[in-house]
All heavy atoms as atom14 arrays in JSON, in Angstrom:
{
  "sequence": "VSCSTPGVIRNYADSVKGRFFISRDNAKNTVYLQMNSLKHEDKDVYYC",
  "atom14_mask": [
    [1, 1, 1, 1, 1, 1, 1, 0, 0, 0, 0, 0, 0, 0],
    [1, 1, 1, 1, 1, 1, 0, 0, 0, 0, 0, 0, 0, 0],
    [1, 1, 1, 1, 1, 1, 0, 0, 0, 0, 0, 0, 0, 0],
    [1, 1, 1, 1, 1, 1, 0, 0, 0, 0, 0, 0, 0, 0],
    [1, 1, 1, 1, 1, 1, 1, 0, 0, 0, 0, 0, 0, 0],
    [1, 1, 1, 1, 1, 1, 1, 0, 0, 0, 0, 0, 0, 0],
    [1, 1, 1, 1, 0, 0, 0, 0, 0, 0, 0, 0, 0, 0],
    [1, 1, 1, 1, 1, 1, 1, 0, 0, 0, 0, 0, 0, 0],
    [1, 1, 1, 1, 1, 1, 1, 1, 0, 0, 0, 0, 0, 0],
    [1, 1, 1, 1, 1, 1, 1, 1, 1, 1, 1, 0, 0, 0],
    [1, 1, 1, 1, 1, 1, 1, 1, 0, 0, 0, 0, 0, 0],
    [1, 1, 1, 1, 1, 1, 1, 1, 1, 1, 1, 1, 0, 0],
    [1, 1, 1, 1, 1, 0, 0, 0, 0, 0, 0, 0, 0, 0],
    [1, 1, 1, 1, 1, 1, 1, 1, 0, 0, 0, 0, 0, 0],
    [1, 1, 1, 1, 1, 1, 0, 0, 0, 0, 0, 0, 0, 0],
    [1, 1, 1, 1, 1, 1, 1, 0, 0, 0, 0, 0, 0, 0],
    [1, 1, 1, 1, 1, 1, 1, 1, 1, 0, 0, 0, 0, 0],
    [1, 1, 1, 1, 0, 0, 0, 0, 0, 0, 0, 0, 0, 0],
    [1, 1, 1, 1, 1, 1, 1, 1, 1, 1, 1, 0, 0, 0],
    [1, 1, 1, 1, 1, 1, 1, 1, 1, 1, 1, 0, 0, 0],
    [1, 1, 1, 1, 1, 1, 1, 1, 1, 1, 1, 0, 0, 0],
    [1, 1, 1, 1, 1, 1, 1, 1, 0, 0, 0, 0, 0, 0],
    [1, 1, 1, 1, 1, 1, 0, 0, 0, 0, 0, 0, 0, 0],
    [1, 1, 1, 1, 1, 1, 1, 1, 1, 1, 1, 0, 0, 0],
    [1, 1, 1, 1, 1, 1, 1, 1, 0, 0, 0, 0, 0, 0],
    [1, 1, 1, 1, 1, 1, 1, 1, 0, 0, 0, 0, 0, 0],
    [1, 1, 1, 1, 1, 0, 0, 0, 0, 0, 0, 0, 0, 0],
    [1, 1, 1, 1, 1, 1, 1, 1, 1, 0, 0, 0, 0, 0],
    [1, 1, 1, 1, 1, 1, 1, 1, 0, 0, 0, 0, 0, 0],
    [1, 1, 1, 1, 1, 1, 1, 0, 0, 0, 0, 0, 0, 0],
    [1, 1, 1, 1, 1, 1, 1, 0, 0, 0, 0, 0, 0, 0],
    [1, 1, 1, 1, 1, 1, 1, 1, 1, 1, 1, 1, 0, 0],
    [1, 1, 1, 1, 1, 1, 1, 1, 0, 0, 0, 0, 0, 0],
    [1, 1, 1, 1, 1, 1, 1, 1, 1, 0, 0, 0, 0, 0],
    [1, 1, 1, 1, 1, 1, 1, 1, 0, 0, 0, 0, 0, 0],
    [1, 1, 1, 1, 1, 1, 1, 1, 0, 0, 0, 0, 0, 0],
    [1, 1, 1, 1, 1, 1, 0, 0, 0, 0, 0, 0, 0, 0],
    [1, 1, 1, 1, 1, 1, 1, 1, 0, 0, 0, 0, 0, 0],
    [1, 1, 1, 1, 1, 1, 1, 1, 1, 0, 0, 0, 0, 0],
    [1, 1, 1, 1, 1, 1, 1, 1, 1, 1, 0, 0, 0, 0],
    [1, 1, 1, 1, 1, 1, 1, 1, 1, 0, 0, 0, 0, 0],
    [1, 1, 1, 1, 1, 1, 1, 1, 0, 0, 0, 0, 0, 0],
    [1, 1, 1, 1, 1, 1, 1, 1, 1, 0, 0, 0, 0, 0],
    [1, 1, 1, 1, 1, 1, 1, 1, 0, 0, 0, 0, 0, 0],
    [1, 1, 1, 1, 1, 1, 1, 0, 0, 0, 0, 0, 0, 0],
    [1, 1, 1, 1, 1, 1, 1, 1, 1, 1, 1, 1, 0, 0],
    [1, 1, 1, 1, 1, 1, 1, 1, 1, 1, 1, 1, 0, 0],
    [1, 1, 1, 1, 1, 1, 0, 0, 0, 0, 0, 0, 0, 0]
  ],
  "atom14_positions": [
    [[0.82, -1.2, 0.0], [0.0, 0.0, 0.0], [0.86, 1.25, 0.0], [0.68, 2.15, -0.82], [-0.95, 0.02, 1.21], [-1.73, 1.33, 1.27], [-1.91, -1.17, 1.15], [0.0, 0.0, 0.0], [0.0, 0.0, 0.0], [0.0, 0.0, 0.0], [0.0, 0.0, 0.0], [0.0, 0.0, 0.0], [0.0, 0.0, 0.0], [0.0, 0.0, 0.0]],
    [[1.79, 1.31, 0.93], [2.62, 2.49, 1.08], [3.89, 2.1, 1.82], [3.93, 1.09, 2.51], [1.87, 3.58, 1.85], [2.65, 4.75, 1.98], [0.0, 0.0, 0.0], [0.0, 0.0, 0.0], [0.0, 0.0, 0.0], [0.0, 0.0, 0.0], [0.0, 0.0, 0.0], [0.0, 0.0, 0.0], [0.0, 0.0, 0.0], [0.0, 0.0, 0.0]],
    [[4.91, 2.92, 1.67], [6.13, 2.68, 2.42], [6.84, 4.0, 2.66], [6.63, 4.98, 1.95], [7.06, 1.69, 1.71], [7.77, 2.26, 0.15], [0.0, 0.0, 0.0], [0.0, 0.0, 0.0], [0.0, 0.0, 0.0], [0.0, 0.0, 0.0], [0.0, 0.0, 0.0], [0.0, 0.0, 0.0], [0.0, 0.0, 0.0], [0.0, 0.0, 0.0]],
    [[7.68, 4.0, 3.67], [8.45, 5.19, 3.99], [9.81, 4.8, 4.53], [9.98, 3.77, 5.17], [7.71, 6.07, 5.01], [7.66, 5.44, 6.28], [0.0, 0.0, 0.0], [0.0, 0.0, 0.0], [0.0, 0.0, 0.0], [0.0, 0.0, 0.0], [0.0, 0.0, 0.0], [0.0, 0.0, 0.0], [0.0, 0.0, 0.0], [0.0, 0.0, 0.0]],
    [[10.78, 5.64, 4.25], [12.11, 5.5, 4.82], [12.19, 6.39, 6.06], [11.28, 7.18, 6.33], [13.18, 5.92, 3.82], [13.12, 7.35, 3.63], [13.0, 5.22, 2.49], [0.0, 0.0, 0.0], [0.0, 0.0, 0.0], [0.0, 0.0, 0.0], [0.0, 0.0, 0.0], [0.0, 0.0, 0.0], [0.0, 0.0, 0.0], [0.0, 0.0, 0.0]],
    [[13.26, 6.26, 6.85], [13.43, 7.21, 7.95], [13.61, 8.63, 7.46], [13.48, 9.56, 8.27], [14.68, 6.69, 8.67], [14.75, 5.24, 8.32], [14.26, 5.18, 6.9], [0.0, 0.0, 0.0], [0.0, 0.0, 0.0], [0.0, 0.0, 0.0], [0.0, 0.0, 0.0], [0.0, 0.0, 0.0], [0.0, 0.0, 0.0], [0.0, 0.0, 0.0]],
    [[13.94, 8.8, 6.21], [14.13, 10.11, 5.62], [12.87, 10.63, 4.97], [11.78, 10.59, 5.55], [0.0, 0.0, 0.0], [0.0, 0.0, 0.0], [0.0, 0.0, 0.0], [0.0, 0.0, 0.0], [0.0, 0.0, 0.0], [0.0, 0.0, 0.0], [0.0, 0.0, 0.0], [0.0, 0.0, 0.0], [0.0, 0.0, 0.0], [0.0, 0.0, 0.0]],
    [[13.01, 11.11, 3.75], [11.92, 11.83, 3.09], [11.14, 10.99, 2.09], [10.14, 11.47, 1.55], [12.46, 13.09, 2.39], [13.1, 14.02, 3.4], [13.45, 12.72, 1.3], [0.0, 0.0, 0.0], [0.0, 0.0, 0.0], [0.0, 0.0, 0.0], [0.0, 0.0, 0.0], [0.0, 0.0, 0.0], [0.0, 0.0, 0.0], [0.0, 0.0, 0.0]],
    [[11.56, 9.77, 1.82], [10.91, 8.96, 0.8], [9.56, 8.46, 1.3], [9.46, 7.86, 2.37], [11.79, 7.78, 0.38], [13.12, 8.29, -0.17], [11.07, 6.92, -0.65], [12.98, 9.15, -1.41], [0.0, 0.0, 0.0], [0.0, 0.0, 0.0], [0.0, 0.0, 0.0], [0.0, 0.0, 0.0], [0.0, 0.0, 0.0], [0.0, 0.0, 0.0]],
    [[8.54, 8.7, 0.49], [7.19, 8.21, 0.75], [6.64, 7.72, -0.57], [6.52, 8.49, -1.53], [6.28, 9.31, 1.31], [6.81, 10.01, 2.55], [6.71, 9.14, 3.78], [7.1, 9.86, 4.99], [8.33, 9.89, 5.49], [9.31, 9.22, 4.89], [8.58, 10.58, 6.6], [0.0, 0.0, 0.0], [0.0, 0.0, 0.0], [0.0, 0.0, 0.0]],
    [[6.3, 6.44, -0.64], [5.81, 5.85, -1.88], [4.45, 5.21, -1.65], [4.13, 4.77, -0.54], [6.79, 4.81, -2.41], [8.07, 5.44, -2.92], [8.03, 6.48, -3.58], [9.2, 4.81, -2.64], [0.0, 0.0, 0.0], [0.0, 0.0, 0.0], [0.0, 0.0, 0.0], [0.0, 0.0, 0.0], [0.0, 0.0, 0.0], [0.0, 0.0, 0.0]],
    [[3.66, 5.15, -2.73], [2.3, 4.65, -2.65], [1.98, 3.78, -3.85], [2.46, 4.02, -4.95], [1.3, 5.81, -2.6], [1.51, 6.74, -1.45], [2.32, 7.86, -1.58], [0.92, 6.49, -0.22], [2.53, 8.71, -0.51], [1.12, 7.34, 0.86], [1.93, 8.45, 0.71], [2.14, 9.29, 1.78], [0.0, 0.0, 0.0], [0.0, 0.0, 0.0]],
    [[1.15, 2.79, -3.61], [0.6, 2.02, -4.7], [-0.32, 2.9, -5.53], [-0.96, 3.82, -5.01], [-0.17, 0.81, -4.17], [0.0, 0.0, 0.0], [0.0, 0.0, 0.0], [0.0, 0.0, 0.0], [0.0, 0.0, 0.0], [0.0, 0.0, 0.0], [0.0, 0.0, 0.0], [0.0, 0.0, 0.0], [0.0, 0.0, 0.0], [0.0, 0.0, 0.0]],
    [[-0.39, 2.62, -6.83], [-1.23, 3.42, -7.7], [-2.69, 3.43, -7.24], [-3.39, 4.44, -7.4], [-1.16, 2.91, -9.14], [0.18, 3.21, -9.8], [0.9, 4.1, -9.31], [0.49, 2.56, -10.81], [0.0, 0.0, 0.0], [0.0, 0.0, 0.0], [0.0, 0.0, 0.0], [0.0, 0.0, 0.0], [0.0, 0.0, 0.0], [0.0, 0.0, 0.0]],
    [[-3.14, 2.34, -6.67], [-4.53, 2.22, -6.27], [-4.91, 3.16, -5.12], [-6.1, 3.43, -4.92], [-4.85, 0.78, -5.87], [-4.03, 0.35, -4.8], [0.0, 0.0, 0.0], [0.0, 0.0, 0.0], [0.0, 0.0, 0.0], [0.0, 0.0, 0.0], [0.0, 0.0, 0.0], [0.0, 0.0, 0.0], [0.0, 0.0, 0.0], [0.0, 0.0, 0.0]],
    [[-3.92, 3.64, -4.38], [-4.22, 4.5, -3.24], [-3.58, 5.87, -3.36], [-3.82, 6.73, -2.5], [-3.77, 3.85, -1.91], [-4.37, 2.46, -1.77], [-2.25, 3.79, -1.81], [0.0, 0.0, 0.0], [0.0, 0.0, 0.0], [0.0, 0.0, 0.0], [0.0, 0.0, 0.0], [0.0, 0.0, 0.0], [0.0, 0.0, 0.0], [0.0, 0.0, 0.0]],
    [[-2.81, 6.1, -4.39], [-2.12, 7.37, -4.55], [-3.11, 8.52, -4.59], [-4.1, 8.49, -5.32], [-1.26, 7.34, -5.81], [-0.27, 8.48, -5.94], [0.66, 8.26, -7.13], [1.49, 7.0, -6.94], [2.44, 6.78, -8.08], [0.0, 0.0, 0.0], [0.0, 0.0, 0.0], [0.0, 0.0, 0.0], [0.0, 0.0, 0.0], [0.0, 0.0, 0.0]],
    [[-2.84, 9.53, -3.81], [-3.72, 10.67, -3.72], [-4.82, 10.53, -2.69], [-5.48, 11.52, -2.36], [0.0, 0.0, 0.0], [0.0, 0.0, 0.0], [0.0, 0.0, 0.0], [0.0, 0.0, 0.0], [0.0, 0.0, 0.0], [0.0, 0.0, 0.0], [0.0, 0.0, 0.0], [0.0, 0.0, 0.0], [0.0, 0.0, 0.0], [0.0, 0.0, 0.0]],
    [[-5.02, 9.32, -2.18], [-6.04, 9.07, -1.17], [-5.44, 8.69, 0.18], [-5.97, 9.07, 1.22], [-6.98, 7.95, -1.61], [-7.75, 8.25, -2.88], [-8.83, 7.2, -3.11], [-8.26, 5.87, -3.3], [-8.55, 4.8, -2.56], [-9.42, 4.91, -1.54], [-8.0, 3.63, -2.81], [0.0, 0.0, 0.0], [0.0, 0.0, 0.0], [0.0, 0.0, 0.0]],
    [[-4.37, 7.92, 0.15], [-3.73, 7.45, 1.37], [-2.43, 8.2, 1.58], [-1.72, 8.53, 0.62], [-3.41, 5.95, 1.29], [-4.6, 5.04, 1.33], [-5.89, 5.5, 1.18], [-4.4, 3.68, 1.55], [-6.98, 4.64, 1.22], [-5.47, 2.81, 1.59], [-6.76, 3.29, 1.42], [0.0, 0.0, 0.0], [0.0, 0.0, 0.0], [0.0, 0.0, 0.0]],
    [[-2.09, 8.43, 2.85], [-0.88, 9.14, 3.18], [-0.22, 8.5, 4.39], [-0.87, 8.26, 5.4], [-1.17, 10.62, 3.46], [-1.83, 11.32, 2.31], [-3.21, 11.38, 2.21], [-1.07, 11.9, 1.31], [-3.83, 12.0, 1.14], [-1.67, 12.53, 0.23], [-3.05, 12.58, 0.15], [0.0, 0.0, 0.0], [0.0, 0.0, 0.0], [0.0, 0.0, 0.0]],
    [[1.07, 8.24, 4.27], [1.83, 7.65, 5.36], [2.61, 8.75, 6.07], [3.13, 9.67, 5.45], [2.77, 6.54, 4.85], [3.4, 5.76, 6.0], [3.85, 7.11, 3.93], [4.14, 4.51, 5.54], [0.0, 0.0, 0.0], [0.0, 0.0, 0.0], [0.0, 0.0, 0.0], [0.0, 0.0, 0.0], [0.0, 0.0, 0.0], [0.0, 0.0, 0.0]],
    [[2.69, 8.65, 7.38], [3.42, 9.63, 8.16], [4.02, 8.96, 9.39], [3.63, 7.85, 9.76], [2.53, 10.8, 8.57], [1.46, 10.37, 9.4], [0.0, 0.0, 0.0], [0.0, 0.0, 0.0], [0.0, 0.0, 0.0], [0.0, 0.0, 0.0], [0.0, 0.0, 0.0], [0.0, 0.0, 0.0], [0.0, 0.0, 0.0], [0.0, 0.0, 0.0]],
    [[4.97, 9.65, 9.99], [5.64, 9.12, 11.18], [5.64, 10.14, 12.31], [5.76, 11.35, 12.07], [7.1, 8.78, 10.87], [7.32, 7.69, 9.85], [8.81, 7.51, 9.61], [9.08, 6.43, 8.67], [9.96, 5.46, 8.85], [10.69, 5.44, 9.97], [10.13, 4.53, 7.94], [0.0, 0.0, 0.0], [0.0, 0.0, 0.0], [0.0, 0.0, 0.0]],
    [[5.51, 9.64, 13.51], [5.73, 10.43, 14.71], [6.81, 9.69, 15.48], [6.53, 8.76, 16.23], [4.46, 10.58, 15.53], [4.63, 11.51, 16.71], [5.77, 11.7, 17.18], [3.61, 12.07, 17.17], [0.0, 0.0, 0.0], [0.0, 0.0, 0.0], [0.0, 0.0, 0.0], [0.0, 0.0, 0.0], [0.0, 0.0, 0.0], [0.0, 0.0, 0.0]],
    [[8.04, 10.1, 15.28], [9.16, 9.39, 15.89], [9.14, 9.46, 17.42], [9.56, 8.52, 18.09], [10.48, 9.94, 15.36], [10.74, 9.55, 13.92], [10.34, 8.48, 13.47], [11.42, 10.43, 13.19], [0.0, 0.0, 0.0], [0.0, 0.0, 0.0], [0.0, 0.0, 0.0], [0.0, 0.0, 0.0], [0.0, 0.0, 0.0], [0.0, 0.0, 0.0]],
    [[8.64, 10.55, 17.95], [8.57, 10.69, 19.4], [7.65, 9.65, 20.02], [7.85, 9.23, 21.16], [8.12, 12.09, 19.78], [0.0, 0.0, 0.0], [0.0, 0.0, 0.0], [0.0, 0.0, 0.0], [0.0, 0.0, 0.0], [0.0, 0.0, 0.0], [0.0, 0.0, 0.0], [0.0, 0.0, 0.0], [0.0, 0.0, 0.0], [0.0, 0.0, 0.0]],
    [[6.64, 9.24, 19.27], [5.7, 8.24, 19.74], [5.98, 6.85, 19.18], [5.24, 5.91, 19.46], [4.27, 8.64, 19.38], [3.79, 9.91, 20.06], [2.35, 10.21, 19.68], [1.85, 11.46, 20.37], [0.44, 11.77, 20.0], [0.0, 0.0, 0.0], [0.0, 0.0, 0.0], [0.0, 0.0, 0.0], [0.0, 0.0, 0.0], [0.0, 0.0, 0.0]],
    [[7.04, 6.73, 18.38], [7.35, 5.47, 17.71], [6.13, 4.92, 16.98], [5.86, 3.71, 17.0], [7.9, 4.44, 18.7], [9.41, 4.52, 18.86], [10.07, 5.35, 18.27], [9.95, 3.62, 19.67], [0.0, 0.0, 0.0], [0.0, 0.0, 0.0], [0.0, 0.0, 0.0], [0.0, 0.0, 0.0], [0.0, 0.0, 0.0], [0.0, 0.0, 0.0]],
    [[5.43, 5.8, 16.29], [4.19, 5.43, 15.64], [4.19, 5.87, 14.19], [4.59, 6.99, 13.87], [2.99, 6.05, 16.37], [2.97, 5.58, 17.72], [1.69, 5.65, 15.7], [0.0, 0.0, 0.0], [0.0, 0.0, 0.0], [0.0, 0.0, 0.0], [0.0, 0.0, 0.0], [0.0, 0.0, 0.0], [0.0, 0.0, 0.0], [0.0, 0.0, 0.0]],
    [[3.74, 4.97, 13.33], [3.52, 5.26, 11.93], [2.02, 5.28, 11.68], [1.29, 4.42, 12.19], [4.19, 4.22, 11.02], [3.93, 4.53, 9.55], [5.69, 4.17, 11.29], [0.0, 0.0, 0.0], [0.0, 0.0, 0.0], [0.0, 0.0, 0.0], [0.0, 0.0, 0.0], [0.0, 0.0, 0.0], [0.0, 0.0, 0.0], [0.0, 0.0, 0.0]],
    [[1.58, 6.23, 10.9], [0.16, 6.36, 10.59], [-0.09, 6.13, 9.11], [0.75, 6.43, 8.26], [-0.35, 7.75, 10.96], [-0.16, 8.11, 12.41], [0.89, 8.91, 12.81], [-1.03, 7.63, 13.37], [1.06, 9.24, 14.14], [-0.87, 7.94, 14.7], [0.18, 8.74, 15.09], [0.35, 9.07, 16.41], [0.0, 0.0, 0.0], [0.0, 0.0, 0.0]],
    [[-1.25, 5.61, 8.82], [-1.74, 5.54, 7.45], [-3.09, 6.25, 7.43], [-4.08, 5.72, 7.93], [-1.88, 4.1, 6.96], [-2.31, 3.95, 5.51], [-1.23, 4.47, 4.57], [-2.66, 2.5, 5.18], [0.0, 0.0, 0.0], [0.0, 0.0, 0.0], [0.0, 0.0, 0.0], [0.0, 0.0, 0.0], [0.0, 0.0, 0.0], [0.0, 0.0, 0.0]],
    [[-3.09, 7.44, 6.88], [-4.33, 8.19, 6.72], [-4.99, 7.75, 5.44], [-4.39, 7.84, 4.36], [-4.05, 9.69, 6.68], [-5.28, 10.56, 6.47], [-6.24, 10.49, 7.63], [-5.83, 10.57, 8.78], [-7.53, 10.35, 7.34], [0.0, 0.0, 0.0], [0.0, 0.0, 0.0], [0.0, 0.0, 0.0], [0.0, 0.0, 0.0], [0.0, 0.0, 0.0]],
    [[-6.21, 7.27, 5.53], [-6.94, 6.76, 4.39], [-8.17, 7.63, 4.16], [-9.03, 7.75, 5.03], [-7.35, 5.3, 4.62], [-6.17, 4.39, 4.94], [-6.65, 2.66, 5.08], [-7.7, 2.73, 6.53], [0.0, 0.0, 0.0], [0.0, 0.0, 0.0], [0.0, 0.0, 0.0], [0.0, 0.0, 0.0], [0.0, 0.0, 0.0], [0.0, 0.0, 0.0]],
    [[-8.23, 8.23, 2.99], [-9.33, 9.1, 2.62], [-10.06, 8.54, 1.41], [-9.52, 7.73, 0.66], [-8.83, 10.51, 2.31], [-8.11, 11.15, 3.47], [-8.54, 11.04, 4.62], [-7.01, 11.85, 3.17], [0.0, 0.0, 0.0], [0.0, 0.0, 0.0], [0.0, 0.0, 0.0], [0.0, 0.0, 0.0], [0.0, 0.0, 0.0], [0.0, 0.0, 0.0]],
    [[-11.27, 9.01, 1.21], [-12.08, 8.59, 0.06], [-12.1, 7.08, -0.08], [-11.85, 6.52, -1.15], [-11.55, 9.24, -1.23], [-11.58, 10.65, -1.13], [0.0, 0.0, 0.0], [0.0, 0.0, 0.0], [0.0, 0.0, 0.0], [0.0, 0.0, 0.0], [0.0, 0.0, 0.0], [0.0, 0.0, 0.0], [0.0, 0.0, 0.0], [0.0, 0.0, 0.0]],
    [[-12.4, 6.42, 1.0], [-12.33, 4.96, 1.03], [-13.33, 4.33, 0.07], [-14.47, 4.8, -0.07], [-12.57, 4.46, 2.45], [-11.37, 4.63, 3.38], [-11.8, 4.54, 4.83], [-10.31, 3.58, 3.06], [0.0, 0.0, 0.0], [0.0, 0.0, 0.0], [0.0, 0.0, 0.0], [0.0, 0.0, 0.0], [0.0, 0.0, 0.0], [0.0, 0.0, 0.0]],
    [[-12.89, 3.27, -0.56], [-13.69, 2.52, -1.51], [-13.93, 1.12, -0.96], [-13.22, 0.65, -0.08], [-12.97, 2.43, -2.86], [-12.59, 3.77, -3.46], [-11.77, 3.57, -4.72], [-11.36, 4.9, -5.33], [-10.53, 4.71, -6.55], [0.0, 0.0, 0.0], [0.0, 0.0, 0.0], [0.0, 0.0, 0.0], [0.0, 0.0, 0.0], [0.0, 0.0, 0.0]],
    [[-14.91, 0.45, -1.54], [-15.21, -0.91, -1.1], [-14.0, -1.81, -1.24], [-13.77, -2.68, -0.39], [-16.38, -1.47, -1.89], [-16.85, -2.8, -1.4], [-16.32, -3.99, -1.86], [-17.79, -3.13, -0.49], [-16.92, -4.99, -1.26], [-17.81, -4.5, -0.41], [0.0, 0.0, 0.0], [0.0, 0.0, 0.0], [0.0, 0.0, 0.0], [0.0, 0.0, 0.0]],
    [[-13.22, -1.62, -2.29], [-12.06, -2.46, -2.5], [-10.93, -2.21, -1.51], [-9.94, -2.95, -1.49], [-11.53, -2.32, -3.94], [-11.22, -0.88, -4.34], [-12.35, -0.24, -5.11], [-13.53, -0.47, -4.76], [-12.05, 0.49, -6.08], [0.0, 0.0, 0.0], [0.0, 0.0, 0.0], [0.0, 0.0, 0.0], [0.0, 0.0, 0.0], [0.0, 0.0, 0.0]],
    [[-11.05, -1.19, -0.69], [-10.08, -0.94, 0.36], [-10.33, -1.82, 1.59], [-9.53, -1.78, 2.53], [-10.09, 0.53, 0.78], [-9.68, 1.47, -0.33], [-8.74, 1.13, -1.08], [-10.28, 2.54, -0.44], [0.0, 0.0, 0.0], [0.0, 0.0, 0.0], [0.0, 0.0, 0.0], [0.0, 0.0, 0.0], [0.0, 0.0, 0.0], [0.0, 0.0, 0.0]],
    [[-11.4, -2.56, 1.58], [-11.73, -3.44, 2.69], [-10.74, -4.6, 2.74], [-10.75, -5.47, 1.86], [-13.16, -3.95, 2.55], [-13.56, -4.95, 3.63], [-14.96, -5.49, 3.4], [-15.33, -6.53, 4.43], [-16.7, -7.06, 4.21], [0.0, 0.0, 0.0], [0.0, 0.0, 0.0], [0.0, 0.0, 0.0], [0.0, 0.0, 0.0], [0.0, 0.0, 0.0]],
    [[-9.92, -4.61, 3.76], [-8.89, -5.63, 3.91], [-8.35, -5.58, 5.33], [-8.67, -4.67, 6.09], [-7.71, -5.38, 2.95], [-7.97, -5.86, 1.54], [-8.37, -7.02, 1.36], [-7.74, -5.06, 0.6], [0.0, 0.0, 0.0], [0.0, 0.0, 0.0], [0.0, 0.0, 0.0], [0.0, 0.0, 0.0], [0.0, 0.0, 0.0], [0.0, 0.0, 0.0]],
    [[-7.55, -6.59, 5.67], [-6.74, -6.51, 6.87], [-5.48, -5.75, 6.5], [-4.8, -6.09, 5.53], [-6.39, -7.9, 7.42], [-5.46, -7.79, 8.62], [-7.66, -8.65, 7.81], [0.0, 0.0, 0.0], [0.0, 0.0, 0.0], [0.0, 0.0, 0.0], [0.0, 0.0, 0.0], [0.0, 0.0, 0.0], [0.0, 0.0, 0.0], [0.0, 0.0, 0.0]],
    [[-5.17, -4.73, 7.27], [-4.01, -3.9, 7.01], [-2.9, -4.24, 7.99], [-3.12, -4.37, 9.2], [-4.37, -2.42, 7.12], [-5.13, -1.93, 5.91], [-6.45, -2.29, 5.7], [-4.51, -1.1, 4.97], [-7.14, -1.86, 4.59], [-5.2, -0.66, 3.85], [-6.51, -1.05, 3.67], [-7.19, -0.6, 2.55], [0.0, 0.0, 0.0], [0.0, 0.0, 0.0]],
    [[-1.69, -4.36, 7.46], [-0.52, -4.7, 8.25], [0.55, -3.64, 8.08], [0.73, -3.1, 6.99], [0.09, -6.03, 7.79], [-0.82, -7.22, 7.9], [-1.71, -7.55, 6.89], [-0.76, -8.04, 9.02], [-2.53, -8.66, 6.98], [-1.58, -9.15, 9.13], [-2.46, -9.45, 8.1], [-3.27, -10.56, 8.2], [0.0, 0.0, 0.0], [0.0, 0.0, 0.0]],
    [[1.28, -3.39, 9.15], [2.5, -2.62, 9.01], [3.68, -3.56, 9.18], [3.58, -4.61, 9.82], [2.58, -1.45, 10.0], [2.59, -1.89, 11.75], [0.0, 0.0, 0.0], [0.0, 0.0, 0.0], [0.0, 0.0, 0.0], [0.0, 0.0, 0.0], [0.0, 0.0, 0.0], [0.0, 0.0, 0.0], [0.0, 0.0, 0.0], [0.0, 0.0, 0.0]]
  ]
}
């Protein structure tokens, strides 16, 4: 779906590009996946 490096690289699958956004909060050791404009085909188990 998406991936990120510790630096500035953020990549997305074509199916979610422009709708999903990956981000990091290093202070919280947490990665987020913001999903917008959700479609039926987005229904899945999501893993990091």
